[in-house]
Amino acid sequence: MVNSMKNYALKWLLQRITASILIPLTFWFIYSAISLSKMEYDETINFFQSYINSSLFYVMMLAMLLHAKLGLQTIIDDYVTSKKIYNLSKWGINLTSYTLMILLTIFIIKTAIFNA
């Protein structure tokens, strides 16, 4: 029981940390998205080739995916009673979030480094 309480406390803390990271990055992204909407394709690629912009976008997306993963897992933990659906849901959440994190990493590296 104590170990599971520590796990919930850690998840709760991680959700608050990712939310705190997302607040300023979301404002940055909204400002950037408004700027990007007025740019041509080449200018957009140049925007993401900047290490600062691509790093901020990468951190924002990783924090968003982790925050969503933690939130969905909390919902599953609290409301799903069937063991089969519980395990399948956890597996699906983990598979989706880790796949998206890997794809995000590949796309950011490809755009920021190899398109230079």
N, C-alpha and C. Protein backbone atom coordinates (compact mmCIF):
# COMPACT_ATOMS: atom_id res chain seq x y z
N MET A 1 0.82 -1.20 0.00
CA MET A 1 0.00 0.00 0.00
C MET A 1 0.86 1.26 0.00
N VAL A 2 1.92 1.26 0.80
CA VAL A 2 2.79 2.43 0.88
C VAL A 2 3.48 2.67 -0.46
N ASN A 3 3.90 1.59 -1.13
CA ASN A 3 4.58 1.72 -2.42
C ASN A 3 3.64 2.32 -3.46
N SER A 4 2.37 1.87 -3.47
CA SER A 4 1.43 2.43 -4.45
C SER A 4 1.12 3.90 -4.15
N MET A 5 1.12 4.27 -2.87
CA MET A 5 0.90 5.68 -2.52
C MET A 5 2.06 6.55 -2.99
N LYS A 6 3.28 6.02 -2.89
CA LYS A 6 4.44 6.76 -3.40
C LYS A 6 4.33 6.92 -4.92
N ASN A 7 3.85 5.87 -5.59
CA ASN A 7 3.68 5.92 -7.04
C ASN A 7 2.66 6.99 -7.42
N TYR A 8 1.54 7.05 -6.71
CA TYR A 8 0.54 8.08 -6.98
C TYR A 8 1.09 9.47 -6.68
N ALA A 9 1.84 9.59 -5.61
CA ALA A 9 2.42 10.89 -5.27
C ALA A 9 3.41 11.33 -6.34
N LEU A 10 4.20 10.40 -6.85
CA LEU A 10 5.15 10.72 -7.93
C LEU A 10 4.41 11.12 -9.20
N LYS A 11 3.36 10.39 -9.55
CA LYS A 11 2.57 10.76 -10.74
C LYS A 11 1.93 12.14 -10.56
N TRP A 12 1.42 12.41 -9.37
CA TRP A 12 0.81 13.70 -9.09
C TRP A 12 1.84 14.82 -9.26
N LEU A 13 3.04 14.60 -8.71
CA LEU A 13 4.10 15.59 -8.81
C LEU A 13 4.54 15.78 -10.26
N LEU A 14 4.69 14.70 -11.00
CA LEU A 14 5.08 14.80 -12.41
C LEU A 14 4.03 15.53 -13.24
N GLN A 15 2.75 15.31 -12.93
CA GLN A 15 1.70 16.06 -13.64
C GLN A 15 1.82 17.55 -13.37
N ARG A 16 2.12 17.93 -12.14
CA ARG A 16 2.25 19.35 -11.81
C ARG A 16 3.49 19.95 -12.47
N ILE A 17 4.57 19.18 -12.53
CA ILE A 17 5.80 19.67 -13.17
C ILE A 17 5.58 19.86 -14.67
N THR A 18 4.96 18.86 -15.32
CA THR A 18 4.72 18.99 -16.76
C THR A 18 3.75 20.13 -17.05
N ALA A 19 2.75 20.32 -16.19
CA ALA A 19 1.82 21.44 -16.38
C ALA A 19 2.55 22.77 -16.25
N SER A 20 3.46 22.85 -15.29
CA SER A 20 4.23 24.09 -15.10
C SER A 20 5.15 24.37 -16.29
N ILE A 21 5.69 23.33 -16.87
CA ILE A 21 6.54 23.48 -18.05
C ILE A 21 5.70 23.92 -19.25
N LEU A 22 4.48 23.36 -19.35
CA LEU A 22 3.63 23.64 -20.50
C LEU A 22 3.08 25.06 -20.53
N ILE A 23 2.94 25.69 -19.38
CA ILE A 23 2.33 27.03 -19.35
C ILE A 23 3.15 28.04 -20.18
N PRO A 24 4.43 28.26 -19.89
CA PRO A 24 5.15 29.24 -20.72
C PRO A 24 5.39 28.77 -22.15
N LEU A 25 5.57 27.45 -22.32
CA LEU A 25 5.80 26.94 -23.67
C LEU A 25 4.56 27.06 -24.54
N THR A 26 3.39 26.98 -23.95
CA THR A 26 2.17 27.16 -24.72
C THR A 26 2.04 28.60 -25.21
N PHE A 27 2.37 29.56 -24.35
CA PHE A 27 2.35 30.96 -24.80
C PHE A 27 3.36 31.18 -25.92
N TRP A 28 4.56 30.60 -25.78
CA TRP A 28 5.56 30.70 -26.85
C TRP A 28 5.03 30.09 -28.13
N PHE A 29 4.39 28.93 -28.03
CA PHE A 29 3.90 28.24 -29.22
C PHE A 29 2.77 29.02 -29.89
N ILE A 30 1.87 29.60 -29.12
CA ILE A 30 0.78 30.39 -29.71
C ILE A 30 1.35 31.58 -30.47
N TYR A 31 2.31 32.26 -29.86
CA TYR A 31 2.97 33.39 -30.53
C TYR A 31 3.66 32.90 -31.82
N SER A 32 4.36 31.78 -31.72
CA SER A 32 5.06 31.24 -32.88
C SER A 32 4.10 30.78 -33.96
N ALA A 33 2.99 30.17 -33.55
CA ALA A 33 2.01 29.69 -34.53
C ALA A 33 1.40 30.85 -35.31
N ILE A 34 1.17 31.96 -34.64
CA ILE A 34 0.65 33.14 -35.34
C ILE A 34 1.69 33.62 -36.36
N SER A 35 2.95 33.62 -35.95
CA SER A 35 4.02 34.01 -36.89
C SER A 35 4.14 33.00 -38.03
N LEU A 36 4.04 31.71 -37.70
CA LEU A 36 4.18 30.67 -38.73
C LEU A 36 3.05 30.72 -39.75
N SER A 37 1.88 31.16 -39.33
CA SER A 37 0.75 31.20 -40.26
C SER A 37 0.98 32.20 -41.39
N LYS A 38 1.88 33.14 -41.19
CA LYS A 38 2.16 34.16 -42.22
C LYS A 38 3.41 33.82 -43.03
N MET A 39 4.06 32.69 -42.71
CA MET A 39 5.31 32.33 -43.37
C MET A 39 5.08 31.38 -44.54
N GLU A 40 6.00 31.43 -45.48
CA GLU A 40 6.03 30.47 -46.58
C GLU A 40 6.68 29.18 -46.07
N TYR A 41 6.65 28.15 -46.90
CA TYR A 41 7.18 26.83 -46.52
C TYR A 41 8.65 26.92 -46.11
N ASP A 42 9.47 27.58 -46.92
CA ASP A 42 10.91 27.67 -46.64
C ASP A 42 11.18 28.40 -45.32
N GLU A 43 10.40 29.43 -45.06
CA GLU A 43 10.55 30.17 -43.80
C GLU A 43 10.16 29.30 -42.60
N THR A 44 9.15 28.47 -42.79
CA THR A 44 8.73 27.56 -41.72
C THR A 44 9.81 26.54 -41.43
N ILE A 45 10.42 25.99 -42.47
CA ILE A 45 11.53 25.04 -42.28
C ILE A 45 12.69 25.74 -41.57
N ASN A 46 13.00 26.97 -41.96
CA ASN A 46 14.07 27.72 -41.29
C ASN A 46 13.75 27.97 -39.82
N PHE A 47 12.47 28.19 -39.52
CA PHE A 47 12.05 28.38 -38.13
C PHE A 47 12.40 27.14 -37.30
N PHE A 48 12.10 25.96 -37.82
CA PHE A 48 12.36 24.74 -37.06
C PHE A 48 13.82 24.29 -37.14
N GLN A 49 14.58 24.84 -38.07
CA GLN A 49 16.00 24.53 -38.11
C GLN A 49 16.77 25.30 -37.05
N SER A 50 16.18 26.32 -36.52
CA SER A 50 16.79 27.04 -35.40
C SER A 50 16.79 26.11 -34.19
N TYR A 51 17.95 25.95 -33.57
CA TYR A 51 18.06 25.02 -32.45
C TYR A 51 17.20 25.46 -31.26
N ILE A 52 17.06 26.74 -31.08
CA ILE A 52 16.23 27.24 -29.98
C ILE A 52 14.77 26.88 -30.22
N ASN A 53 14.26 27.19 -31.42
CA ASN A 53 12.86 26.90 -31.72
C ASN A 53 12.57 25.40 -31.72
N SER A 54 13.45 24.63 -32.34
CA SER A 54 13.20 23.18 -32.37
C SER A 54 13.33 22.56 -30.98
N SER A 55 14.24 23.08 -30.15
CA SER A 55 14.38 22.57 -28.78
C SER A 55 13.16 22.91 -27.93
N LEU A 56 12.68 24.15 -28.05
CA LEU A 56 11.48 24.53 -27.30
C LEU A 56 10.27 23.72 -27.74
N PHE A 57 10.13 23.52 -29.05
CA PHE A 57 9.02 22.72 -29.56
C PHE A 57 9.12 21.27 -29.08
N TYR A 58 10.34 20.73 -29.09
CA TYR A 58 10.57 19.35 -28.65
C TYR A 58 10.22 19.18 -27.17
N VAL A 59 10.69 20.10 -26.34
CA VAL A 59 10.39 20.03 -24.91
C VAL A 59 8.89 20.18 -24.67
N MET A 60 8.26 21.10 -25.39
CA MET A 60 6.82 21.29 -25.23
C MET A 60 6.05 20.03 -25.61
N MET A 61 6.39 19.42 -26.72
CA MET A 61 5.67 18.23 -27.16
C MET A 61 5.93 17.04 -26.24
N LEU A 62 7.17 16.87 -25.78
CA LEU A 62 7.45 15.78 -24.83
C LEU A 62 6.69 15.98 -23.53
N ALA A 63 6.68 17.21 -23.03
CA ALA A 63 5.94 17.50 -21.80
C ALA A 63 4.45 17.26 -22.00
N MET A 64 3.93 17.65 -23.17
CA MET A 64 2.52 17.46 -23.45
C MET A 64 2.16 15.98 -23.53
N LEU A 65 3.00 15.20 -24.20
CA LEU A 65 2.74 13.75 -24.30
C LEU A 65 2.83 13.08 -22.94
N LEU A 66 3.83 13.45 -22.15
CA LEU A 66 3.97 12.87 -20.82
C LEU A 66 2.80 13.27 -19.92
N HIS A 67 2.39 14.52 -20.01
CA HIS A 67 1.27 15.02 -19.21
C HIS A 67 -0.02 14.27 -19.59
N ALA A 68 -0.24 14.08 -20.88
CA ALA A 68 -1.43 13.36 -21.34
C ALA A 68 -1.38 11.90 -20.90
N LYS A 69 -0.20 11.29 -21.00
CA LYS A 69 -0.04 9.89 -20.58
C LYS A 69 -0.35 9.73 -19.10
N LEU A 70 0.18 10.60 -18.28
CA LEU A 70 -0.07 10.53 -16.84
C LEU A 70 -1.55 10.75 -16.53
N GLY A 71 -2.17 11.70 -17.21
CA GLY A 71 -3.58 11.97 -16.98
C GLY A 71 -4.46 10.80 -17.37
N LEU A 72 -4.19 10.21 -18.53
CA LEU A 72 -4.97 9.06 -18.97
C LEU A 72 -4.77 7.86 -18.05
N GLN A 73 -3.54 7.65 -17.59
CA GLN A 73 -3.28 6.54 -16.67
C GLN A 73 -4.01 6.75 -15.34
N THR A 74 -4.09 7.98 -14.89
CA THR A 74 -4.82 8.27 -13.65
C THR A 74 -6.31 7.96 -13.83
N ILE A 75 -6.86 8.32 -14.97
CA ILE A 75 -8.27 8.02 -15.24
C ILE A 75 -8.50 6.51 -15.25
N ILE A 76 -7.60 5.78 -15.92
CA ILE A 76 -7.71 4.32 -15.98
C ILE A 76 -7.60 3.73 -14.57
N ASP A 77 -6.63 4.20 -13.80
CA ASP A 77 -6.45 3.70 -12.43
C ASP A 77 -7.69 3.92 -11.57
N ASP A 78 -8.32 5.07 -11.74
CA ASP A 78 -9.44 5.44 -10.87
C ASP A 78 -10.78 4.83 -11.29
N TYR A 79 -11.01 4.63 -12.58
CA TYR A 79 -12.36 4.32 -13.03
C TYR A 79 -12.54 2.98 -13.72
N VAL A 80 -11.47 2.31 -14.14
CA VAL A 80 -11.63 1.03 -14.83
C VAL A 80 -11.51 -0.10 -13.81
N THR A 81 -12.55 -0.93 -13.76
CA THR A 81 -12.56 -2.02 -12.77
C THR A 81 -12.22 -3.37 -13.38
N SER A 82 -12.46 -3.54 -14.67
CA SER A 82 -12.15 -4.81 -15.33
C SER A 82 -10.64 -4.92 -15.52
N LYS A 83 -10.08 -6.02 -15.04
CA LYS A 83 -8.62 -6.22 -15.13
C LYS A 83 -8.17 -6.28 -16.60
N LYS A 84 -8.97 -6.94 -17.44
CA LYS A 84 -8.61 -7.08 -18.86
C LYS A 84 -8.59 -5.71 -19.54
N ILE A 85 -9.64 -4.93 -19.34
CA ILE A 85 -9.71 -3.60 -19.96
C ILE A 85 -8.63 -2.69 -19.37
N TYR A 86 -8.38 -2.83 -18.07
CA TYR A 86 -7.34 -2.04 -17.39
C TYR A 86 -5.99 -2.30 -18.04
N ASN A 87 -5.60 -3.56 -18.18
CA ASN A 87 -4.30 -3.90 -18.77
C ASN A 87 -4.21 -3.49 -20.23
N LEU A 88 -5.30 -3.71 -20.97
CA LEU A 88 -5.31 -3.33 -22.38
C LEU A 88 -5.20 -1.81 -22.54
N SER A 89 -5.90 -1.08 -21.70
CA SER A 89 -5.84 0.39 -21.76
C SER A 89 -4.45 0.90 -21.42
N LYS A 90 -3.86 0.37 -20.37
CA LYS A 90 -2.50 0.78 -19.98
C LYS A 90 -1.52 0.49 -21.11
N TRP A 91 -1.65 -0.69 -21.71
CA TRP A 91 -0.76 -1.08 -22.79
C TRP A 91 -0.94 -0.12 -23.98
N GLY A 92 -2.18 0.19 -24.32
CA GLY A 92 -2.45 1.09 -25.44
C GLY A 92 -1.93 2.50 -25.19
N ILE A 93 -2.12 2.99 -23.98
CA ILE A 93 -1.62 4.33 -23.63
C ILE A 93 -0.10 4.37 -23.73
N ASN A 94 0.57 3.36 -23.17
CA ASN A 94 2.03 3.32 -23.22
C ASN A 94 2.54 3.20 -24.65
N LEU A 95 1.93 2.31 -25.42
CA LEU A 95 2.36 2.13 -26.81
C LEU A 95 2.20 3.41 -27.61
N THR A 96 1.06 4.04 -27.49
CA THR A 96 0.80 5.27 -28.24
C THR A 96 1.73 6.40 -27.82
N SER A 97 1.87 6.61 -26.52
CA SER A 97 2.69 7.74 -26.07
C SER A 97 4.17 7.53 -26.39
N TYR A 98 4.69 6.33 -26.20
CA TYR A 98 6.10 6.10 -26.50
C TYR A 98 6.37 6.12 -28.00
N THR A 99 5.43 5.62 -28.79
CA THR A 99 5.58 5.69 -30.25
C THR A 99 5.62 7.15 -30.71
N LEU A 100 4.71 7.96 -30.19
CA LEU A 100 4.70 9.37 -30.57
C LEU A 100 5.96 10.09 -30.10
N MET A 101 6.48 9.74 -28.94
CA MET A 101 7.73 10.36 -28.46
C MET A 101 8.90 10.00 -29.37
N ILE A 102 8.95 8.74 -29.80
CA ILE A 102 10.03 8.31 -30.70
C ILE A 102 9.91 9.01 -32.05
N LEU A 103 8.69 9.05 -32.60
CA LEU A 103 8.48 9.73 -33.88
C LEU A 103 8.81 11.22 -33.79
N LEU A 104 8.41 11.85 -32.70
CA LEU A 104 8.72 13.25 -32.49
C LEU A 104 10.23 13.48 -32.49
N THR A 105 10.95 12.63 -31.79
CA THR A 105 12.41 12.74 -31.72
C THR A 105 13.02 12.60 -33.12
N ILE A 106 12.56 11.62 -33.88
CA ILE A 106 13.08 11.41 -35.24
C ILE A 106 12.80 12.63 -36.12
N PHE A 107 11.58 13.15 -36.07
CA PHE A 107 11.22 14.28 -36.92
C PHE A 107 11.95 15.55 -36.54
N ILE A 108 12.14 15.78 -35.26
CA ILE A 108 12.87 16.98 -34.83
C ILE A 108 14.33 16.88 -35.25
N ILE A 109 14.93 15.72 -35.05
CA ILE A 109 16.34 15.54 -35.45
C ILE A 109 16.46 15.70 -36.96
N LYS A 110 15.55 15.11 -37.71
CA LYS A 110 15.59 15.20 -39.17
C LYS A 110 15.44 16.66 -39.62
N THR A 111 14.52 17.38 -39.02
CA THR A 111 14.27 18.75 -39.44
C THR A 111 15.38 19.70 -38.97
N ALA A 112 15.78 19.57 -37.72
CA ALA A 112 16.72 20.53 -37.15
C ALA A 112 18.16 20.29 -37.60
N ILE A 113 18.52 19.05 -37.82
CA ILE A 113 19.92 18.76 -38.11
C ILE A 113 20.16 18.44 -39.59
N PHE A 114 19.37 17.55 -40.14
CA PHE A 114 19.68 17.06 -41.50
C PHE A 114 19.14 17.94 -42.60
N ASN A 115 18.26 18.88 -42.31
CA ASN A 115 17.80 19.82 -43.33
C ASN A 115 18.61 21.10 -43.34
N ALA A 116 19.65 21.16 -42.53
CA ALA A 116 20.45 22.39 -42.42
C ALA A 116 21.22 22.67 -43.68
